[in-house]
Amino acid sequence: MASTKRYFGLSWVVCLILAIIPITSWILGTVTRFQRGNILGGVLNIFFGFIFWVIDLVTMIVKKDITVLA
């Protein structure tokens, strides 16, 4: 079973690199939110991807995991 920390349990450095790239952050953030059972967060991430990209990048740097609506 995959870990719910970060993107699919990957290391923090890899997740930070993926979070910097907007498209990968949008896709992986959406999948991670759906995987964690947060349907509302996943749907909002689909429609407001740029806002969630900035939020995910900041939380990935500060808390080493995406935590807002995840």
PDB file of N, CA and C in Angstrom:
ATOM      1  N   MET A   1       0.848  -1.185   0.000  1.00  0.00           N
ATOM      2  CA  MET A   1       0.000   0.000   0.000  1.00  0.00           C
ATOM      3  C   MET A   1       0.890   1.243   0.000  1.00  0.00           C
ATOM      4  N   ALA A   2       0.546   2.207  -0.806  1.00  0.00           N
ATOM      5  CA  ALA A   2       1.349   3.424  -0.913  1.00  0.00           C
ATOM      6  C   ALA A   2       1.177   4.297   0.333  1.00  0.00           C
ATOM      7  N   SER A   3       2.256   4.943   0.677  1.00  0.00           N
ATOM      8  CA  SER A   3       2.214   5.851   1.820  1.00  0.00           C
ATOM      9  C   SER A   3       1.434   7.107   1.450  1.00  0.00           C
ATOM     10  N   THR A   4       0.759   7.693   2.428  1.00  0.00           N
ATOM     11  CA  THR A   4      -0.002   8.912   2.151  1.00  0.00           C
ATOM     12  C   THR A   4       0.827  10.156   2.368  1.00  0.00           C
ATOM     13  N   LYS A   5       2.085   9.998   2.765  1.00  0.00           N
ATOM     14  CA  LYS A   5       2.952  11.152   2.929  1.00  0.00           C
ATOM     15  C   LYS A   5       3.501  11.546   1.573  1.00  0.00           C
ATOM     16  N   ARG A   6       3.514  12.832   1.321  1.00  0.00           N
ATOM     17  CA  ARG A   6       4.058  13.400   0.096  1.00  0.00           C
ATOM     18  C   ARG A   6       3.377  12.800  -1.126  1.00  0.00           C
ATOM     19  N   TYR A   7       4.077  12.825  -2.259  1.00  0.00           N
ATOM     20  CA  TYR A   7       3.537  12.231  -3.487  1.00  0.00           C
ATOM     21  C   TYR A   7       3.931  10.767  -3.534  1.00  0.00           C
ATOM     22  N   PHE A   8       3.009   9.878  -3.286  1.00  0.00           N
ATOM     23  CA  PHE A   8       3.182   8.432  -3.400  1.00  0.00           C
ATOM     24  C   PHE A   8       4.342   7.898  -2.570  1.00  0.00           C
ATOM     25  N   GLY A   9       4.697   8.567  -1.482  1.00  0.00           N
ATOM     26  CA  GLY A   9       5.757   8.099  -0.612  1.00  0.00           C
ATOM     27  C   GLY A   9       7.163   8.356  -1.131  1.00  0.00           C
ATOM     28  N   LEU A  10       7.310   9.211  -2.122  1.00  0.00           N
ATOM     29  CA  LEU A  10       8.632   9.536  -2.658  1.00  0.00           C
ATOM     30  C   LEU A  10       9.409  10.385  -1.666  1.00  0.00           C
ATOM     31  N   SER A  11      10.714  10.489  -1.869  1.00  0.00           N
ATOM     32  CA  SER A  11      11.534  11.291  -0.958  1.00  0.00           C
ATOM     33  C   SER A  11      11.173  12.771  -1.095  1.00  0.00           C
ATOM     34  N   TRP A  12      11.551  13.542  -0.078  1.00  0.00           N
ATOM     35  CA  TRP A  12      11.189  14.948  -0.043  1.00  0.00           C
ATOM     36  C   TRP A  12      11.831  15.728  -1.189  1.00  0.00           C
ATOM     37  N   VAL A  13      13.068  15.421  -1.528  1.00  0.00           N
ATOM     38  CA  VAL A  13      13.761  16.144  -2.603  1.00  0.00           C
ATOM     39  C   VAL A  13      13.066  15.907  -3.937  1.00  0.00           C
ATOM     40  N   VAL A  14      12.693  14.672  -4.220  1.00  0.00           N
ATOM     41  CA  VAL A  14      11.987  14.357  -5.465  1.00  0.00           C
ATOM     42  C   VAL A  14      10.630  15.054  -5.483  1.00  0.00           C
ATOM     43  N   CYS A  15       9.922  15.026  -4.372  1.00  0.00           N
ATOM     44  CA  CYS A  15       8.615  15.683  -4.291  1.00  0.00           C
ATOM     45  C   CYS A  15       8.740  17.192  -4.453  1.00  0.00           C
ATOM     46  N   LEU A  16       9.796  17.774  -3.924  1.00  0.00           N
ATOM     47  CA  LEU A  16      10.008  19.209  -4.077  1.00  0.00           C
ATOM     48  C   LEU A  16      10.268  19.564  -5.538  1.00  0.00           C
ATOM     49  N   ILE A  17      11.068  18.767  -6.219  1.00  0.00           N
ATOM     50  CA  ILE A  17      11.324  19.004  -7.646  1.00  0.00           C
ATOM     51  C   ILE A  17      10.037  18.866  -8.446  1.00  0.00           C
ATOM     52  N   LEU A  18       9.234  17.859  -8.148  1.00  0.00           N
ATOM     53  CA  LEU A  18       7.953  17.677  -8.844  1.00  0.00           C
ATOM     54  C   LEU A  18       6.971  18.789  -8.512  1.00  0.00           C
ATOM     55  N   ALA A  19       7.035  19.331  -7.299  1.00  0.00           N
ATOM     56  CA  ALA A  19       6.132  20.409  -6.897  1.00  0.00           C
ATOM     57  C   ALA A  19       6.503  21.735  -7.563  1.00  0.00           C
ATOM     58  N   ILE A  20       7.753  21.897  -7.946  1.00  0.00           N
ATOM     59  CA  ILE A  20       8.174  23.131  -8.603  1.00  0.00           C
ATOM     60  C   ILE A  20       7.612  23.216 -10.020  1.00  0.00           C
ATOM     61  N   ILE A  21       7.478  22.089 -10.688  1.00  0.00           N
ATOM     62  CA  ILE A  21       6.947  22.044 -12.057  1.00  0.00           C
ATOM     63  C   ILE A  21       5.422  22.101 -11.968  1.00  0.00           C
ATOM     64  N   PRO A  22       4.795  23.141 -12.554  1.00  0.00           N
ATOM     65  CA  PRO A  22       3.347  23.321 -12.380  1.00  0.00           C
ATOM     66  C   PRO A  22       2.496  22.150 -12.854  1.00  0.00           C
ATOM     67  N   ILE A  23       2.777  21.583 -14.001  1.00  0.00           N
ATOM     68  CA  ILE A  23       1.937  20.504 -14.537  1.00  0.00           C
ATOM     69  C   ILE A  23       2.016  19.262 -13.651  1.00  0.00           C
ATOM     70  N   THR A  24       3.220  18.865 -13.243  1.00  0.00           N
ATOM     71  CA  THR A  24       3.331  17.679 -12.390  1.00  0.00           C
ATOM     72  C   THR A  24       2.723  17.924 -11.021  1.00  0.00           C
ATOM     73  N   SER A  25       2.865  19.129 -10.516  1.00  0.00           N
ATOM     74  CA  SER A  25       2.248  19.460  -9.229  1.00  0.00           C
ATOM     75  C   SER A  25       0.734  19.397  -9.331  1.00  0.00           C
ATOM     76  N   TRP A  26       0.187  19.876 -10.426  1.00  0.00           N
ATOM     77  CA  TRP A  26      -1.266  19.856 -10.624  1.00  0.00           C
ATOM     78  C   TRP A  26      -1.778  18.422 -10.701  1.00  0.00           C
ATOM     79  N   ILE A  27      -1.109  17.593 -11.504  1.00  0.00           N
ATOM     80  CA  ILE A  27      -1.554  16.208 -11.677  1.00  0.00           C
ATOM     81  C   ILE A  27      -1.358  15.411 -10.390  1.00  0.00           C
ATOM     82  N   LEU A  28      -0.163  15.466  -9.822  1.00  0.00           N
ATOM     83  CA  LEU A  28       0.112  14.679  -8.623  1.00  0.00           C
ATOM     84  C   LEU A  28      -0.666  15.183  -7.411  1.00  0.00           C
ATOM     85  N   GLY A  29      -0.888  16.492  -7.336  1.00  0.00           N
ATOM     86  CA  GLY A  29      -1.687  17.035  -6.243  1.00  0.00           C
ATOM     87  C   GLY A  29      -3.128  16.559  -6.314  1.00  0.00           C
ATOM     88  N   THR A  30      -3.673  16.529  -7.531  1.00  0.00           N
ATOM     89  CA  THR A  30      -5.037  16.046  -7.717  1.00  0.00           C
ATOM     90  C   THR A  30      -5.147  14.565  -7.356  1.00  0.00           C
ATOM     91  N   VAL A  31      -4.224  13.759  -7.864  1.00  0.00           N
ATOM     92  CA  VAL A  31      -4.248  12.322  -7.589  1.00  0.00           C
ATOM     93  C   VAL A  31      -4.060  12.058  -6.095  1.00  0.00           C
ATOM     94  N   THR A  32      -3.146  12.785  -5.459  1.00  0.00           N
ATOM     95  CA  THR A  32      -2.904  12.598  -4.025  1.00  0.00           C
ATOM     96  C   THR A  32      -4.142  12.942  -3.211  1.00  0.00           C
ATOM     97  N   ARG A  33      -4.820  14.027  -3.579  1.00  0.00           N
ATOM     98  CA  ARG A  33      -6.033  14.402  -2.842  1.00  0.00           C
ATOM     99  C   ARG A  33      -7.126  13.347  -2.996  1.00  0.00           C
ATOM    100  N   PHE A  34      -7.305  12.835  -4.212  1.00  0.00           N
ATOM    101  CA  PHE A  34      -8.293  11.772  -4.413  1.00  0.00           C
ATOM    102  C   PHE A  34      -7.874  10.504  -3.669  1.00  0.00           C
ATOM    103  N   GLN A  35      -6.585  10.186  -3.665  1.00  0.00           N
ATOM    104  CA  GLN A  35      -6.086   8.997  -2.985  1.00  0.00           C
ATOM    105  C   GLN A  35      -6.323   9.089  -1.478  1.00  0.00           C
ATOM    106  N   ARG A  36      -6.201  10.281  -0.926  1.00  0.00           N
ATOM    107  CA  ARG A  36      -6.421  10.478   0.513  1.00  0.00           C
ATOM    108  C   ARG A  36      -7.899  10.569   0.857  1.00  0.00           C
ATOM    109  N   GLY A  37      -8.772  10.507  -0.152  1.00  0.00           N
ATOM    110  CA  GLY A  37     -10.202  10.511   0.099  1.00  0.00           C
ATOM    111  C   GLY A  37     -10.832  11.886   0.135  1.00  0.00           C
ATOM    112  N   ASN A  38     -10.106  12.909  -0.270  1.00  0.00           N
ATOM    113  CA  ASN A  38     -10.640  14.264  -0.260  1.00  0.00           C
ATOM    114  C   ASN A  38     -11.128  14.623  -1.663  1.00  0.00           C
ATOM    115  N   ILE A  39     -12.375  14.301  -1.935  1.00  0.00           N
ATOM    116  CA  ILE A  39     -12.958  14.532  -3.256  1.00  0.00           C
ATOM    117  C   ILE A  39     -13.076  16.024  -3.548  1.00  0.00           C
ATOM    118  N   LEU A  40     -13.514  16.807  -2.579  1.00  0.00           N
ATOM    119  CA  LEU A  40     -13.659  18.241  -2.772  1.00  0.00           C
ATOM    120  C   LEU A  40     -12.318  18.889  -3.101  1.00  0.00           C
ATOM    121  N   GLY A  41     -11.277  18.531  -2.375  1.00  0.00           N
ATOM    122  CA  GLY A  41      -9.950  19.072  -2.647  1.00  0.00           C
ATOM    123  C   GLY A  41      -9.451  18.701  -4.028  1.00  0.00           C
ATOM    124  N   GLY A  42      -9.717  17.475  -4.462  1.00  0.00           N
ATOM    125  CA  GLY A  42      -9.319  17.043  -5.799  1.00  0.00           C
ATOM    126  C   GLY A  42     -10.033  17.803  -6.892  1.00  0.00           C
ATOM    127  N   VAL A  43     -11.332  17.998  -6.726  1.00  0.00           N
ATOM    128  CA  VAL A  43     -12.107  18.740  -7.730  1.00  0.00           C
ATOM    129  C   VAL A  43     -11.677  20.204  -7.769  1.00  0.00           C
ATOM    130  N   LEU A  44     -11.478  20.805  -6.608  1.00  0.00           N
ATOM    131  CA  LEU A  44     -11.011  22.193  -6.575  1.00  0.00           C
ATOM    132  C   LEU A  44      -9.626  22.324  -7.195  1.00  0.00           C
ATOM    133  N   ASN A  45      -8.774  21.333  -6.997  1.00  0.00           N
ATOM    134  CA  ASN A  45      -7.445  21.355  -7.588  1.00  0.00           C
ATOM    135  C   ASN A  45      -7.519  21.288  -9.103  1.00  0.00           C
ATOM    136  N   ILE A  46      -8.476  20.576  -9.645  1.00  0.00           N
ATOM    137  CA  ILE A  46      -8.642  20.506 -11.099  1.00  0.00           C
ATOM    138  C   ILE A  46      -8.985  21.877 -11.657  1.00  0.00           C
ATOM    139  N   PHE A  47      -9.897  22.591 -11.013  1.00  0.00           N
ATOM    140  CA  PHE A  47     -10.370  23.863 -11.556  1.00  0.00           C
ATOM    141  C   PHE A  47      -9.513  25.064 -11.169  1.00  0.00           C
ATOM    142  N   PHE A  48      -8.871  25.011 -10.015  1.00  0.00           N
ATOM    143  CA  PHE A  48      -8.044  26.130  -9.545  1.00  0.00           C
ATOM    144  C   PHE A  48      -6.602  25.670  -9.375  1.00  0.00           C
ATOM    145  N   GLY A  49      -6.051  25.053 -10.403  1.00  0.00           N
ATOM    146  CA  GLY A  49      -4.730  24.449 -10.345  1.00  0.00           C
ATOM    147  C   GLY A  49      -3.617  25.406  -9.993  1.00  0.00           C
ATOM    148  N   PHE A  50      -3.647  26.640 -10.517  1.00  0.00           N
ATOM    149  CA  PHE A  50      -2.562  27.580 -10.264  1.00  0.00           C
ATOM    150  C   PHE A  50      -2.503  27.980  -8.797  1.00  0.00           C
ATOM    151  N   ILE A  51      -3.660  28.212  -8.206  1.00  0.00           N
ATOM    152  CA  ILE A  51      -3.705  28.588  -6.787  1.00  0.00           C
ATOM    153  C   ILE A  51      -3.193  27.436  -5.919  1.00  0.00           C
ATOM    154  N   PHE A  52      -3.614  26.219  -6.235  1.00  0.00           N
ATOM    155  CA  PHE A  52      -3.172  25.060  -5.468  1.00  0.00           C
ATOM    156  C   PHE A  52      -1.698  24.770  -5.716  1.00  0.00           C
ATOM    157  N   TRP A  53      -1.180  25.107  -6.905  1.00  0.00           N
ATOM    158  CA  TRP A  53       0.243  24.922  -7.180  1.00  0.00           C
ATOM    159  C   TRP A  53       1.081  25.756  -6.218  1.00  0.00           C
ATOM    160  N   VAL A  54       0.707  27.006  -6.032  1.00  0.00           N
ATOM    161  CA  VAL A  54       1.440  27.881  -5.119  1.00  0.00           C
ATOM    162  C   VAL A  54       1.314  27.375  -3.680  1.00  0.00           C
ATOM    163  N   ILE A  55       0.109  27.013  -3.279  1.00  0.00           N
ATOM    164  CA  ILE A  55      -0.119  26.522  -1.915  1.00  0.00           C
ATOM    165  C   ILE A  55       0.648  25.221  -1.673  1.00  0.00           C
ATOM    166  N   ASP A  56       0.596  24.291  -2.634  1.00  0.00           N
ATOM    167  CA  ASP A  56       1.311  23.021  -2.488  1.00  0.00           C
ATOM    168  C   ASP A  56       2.817  23.234  -2.429  1.00  0.00           C
ATOM    169  N   LEU A  57       3.332  24.149  -3.224  1.00  0.00           N
ATOM    170  CA  LEU A  57       4.766  24.429  -3.215  1.00  0.00           C
ATOM    171  C   LEU A  57       5.208  24.976  -1.861  1.00  0.00           C
ATOM    172  N   VAL A  58       4.437  25.900  -1.311  1.00  0.00           N
ATOM    173  CA  VAL A  58       4.780  26.478  -0.010  1.00  0.00           C
ATOM    174  C   VAL A  58       4.694  25.422   1.092  1.00  0.00           C
ATOM    175  N   THR A  59       3.624  24.629   1.096  1.00  0.00           N
ATOM    176  CA  THR A  59       3.491  23.620   2.153  1.00  0.00           C
ATOM    177  C   THR A  59       4.504  22.489   1.992  1.00  0.00           C
ATOM    178  N   MET A  60       4.918  22.205   0.755  1.00  0.00           N
ATOM    179  CA  MET A  60       5.943  21.185   0.549  1.00  0.00           C
ATOM    180  C   MET A  60       7.284  21.655   1.107  1.00  0.00           C
ATOM    181  N   ILE A  61       7.573  22.936   0.970  1.00  0.00           N
ATOM    182  CA  ILE A  61       8.829  23.493   1.508  1.00  0.00           C
ATOM    183  C   ILE A  61       8.768  23.562   3.029  1.00  0.00           C
ATOM    184  N   VAL A  62       7.654  24.037   3.562  1.00  0.00           N
ATOM    185  CA  VAL A  62       7.560  24.284   5.002  1.00  0.00           C
ATOM    186  C   VAL A  62       7.309  22.996   5.802  1.00  0.00           C
ATOM    187  N   LYS A  63       6.308  22.212   5.393  1.00  0.00           N
ATOM    188  CA  LYS A  63       5.909  21.036   6.190  1.00  0.00           C
ATOM    189  C   LYS A  63       6.327  19.710   5.568  1.00  0.00           C
ATOM    190  N   LYS A  64       6.941  19.756   4.391  1.00  0.00           N
ATOM    191  CA  LYS A  64       7.418  18.559   3.678  1.00  0.00           C
ATOM    192  C   LYS A  64       6.285  17.602   3.310  1.00  0.00           C
ATOM    193  N   ASP A  65       5.104  18.135   3.125  1.00  0.00           N
ATOM    194  CA  ASP A  65       3.940  17.361   2.675  1.00  0.00           C
ATOM    195  C   ASP A  65       2.882  18.356   2.233  1.00  0.00           C
ATOM    196  N   ILE A  66       2.004  17.938   1.306  1.00  0.00           N
ATOM    197  CA  ILE A  66       0.899  18.828   0.961  1.00  0.00           C
ATOM    198  C   ILE A  66      -0.179  18.637   2.022  1.00  0.00           C
ATOM    199  N   THR A  67      -0.589  19.724   2.630  1.00  0.00           N
ATOM    200  CA  THR A  67      -1.518  19.616   3.751  1.00  0.00           C
ATOM    201  C   THR A  67      -2.818  20.375   3.553  1.00  0.00           C
ATOM    202  N   VAL A  68      -2.876  21.336   2.660  1.00  0.00           N
ATOM    203  CA  VAL A  68      -4.077  22.145   2.488  1.00  0.00           C
ATOM    204  C   VAL A  68      -5.054  21.387   1.597  1.00  0.00           C
ATOM    205  N   LEU A  69      -6.228  21.110   2.128  1.00  0.00           N
ATOM    206  CA  LEU A  69      -7.278  20.340   1.441  1.00  0.00           C
ATOM    207  C   LEU A  69      -6.774  19.002   0.926  1.00  0.00           C
ATOM    208  N   ALA A  70      -5.921  18.352   1.696  1.00  0.00           N
ATOM    209  CA  ALA A  70      -5.401  17.062   1.242  1.00  0.00           C
ATOM    210  C   ALA A  70      -5.724  15.971   2.233  1.00  0.00           C
TER     211      ALA A  70
END
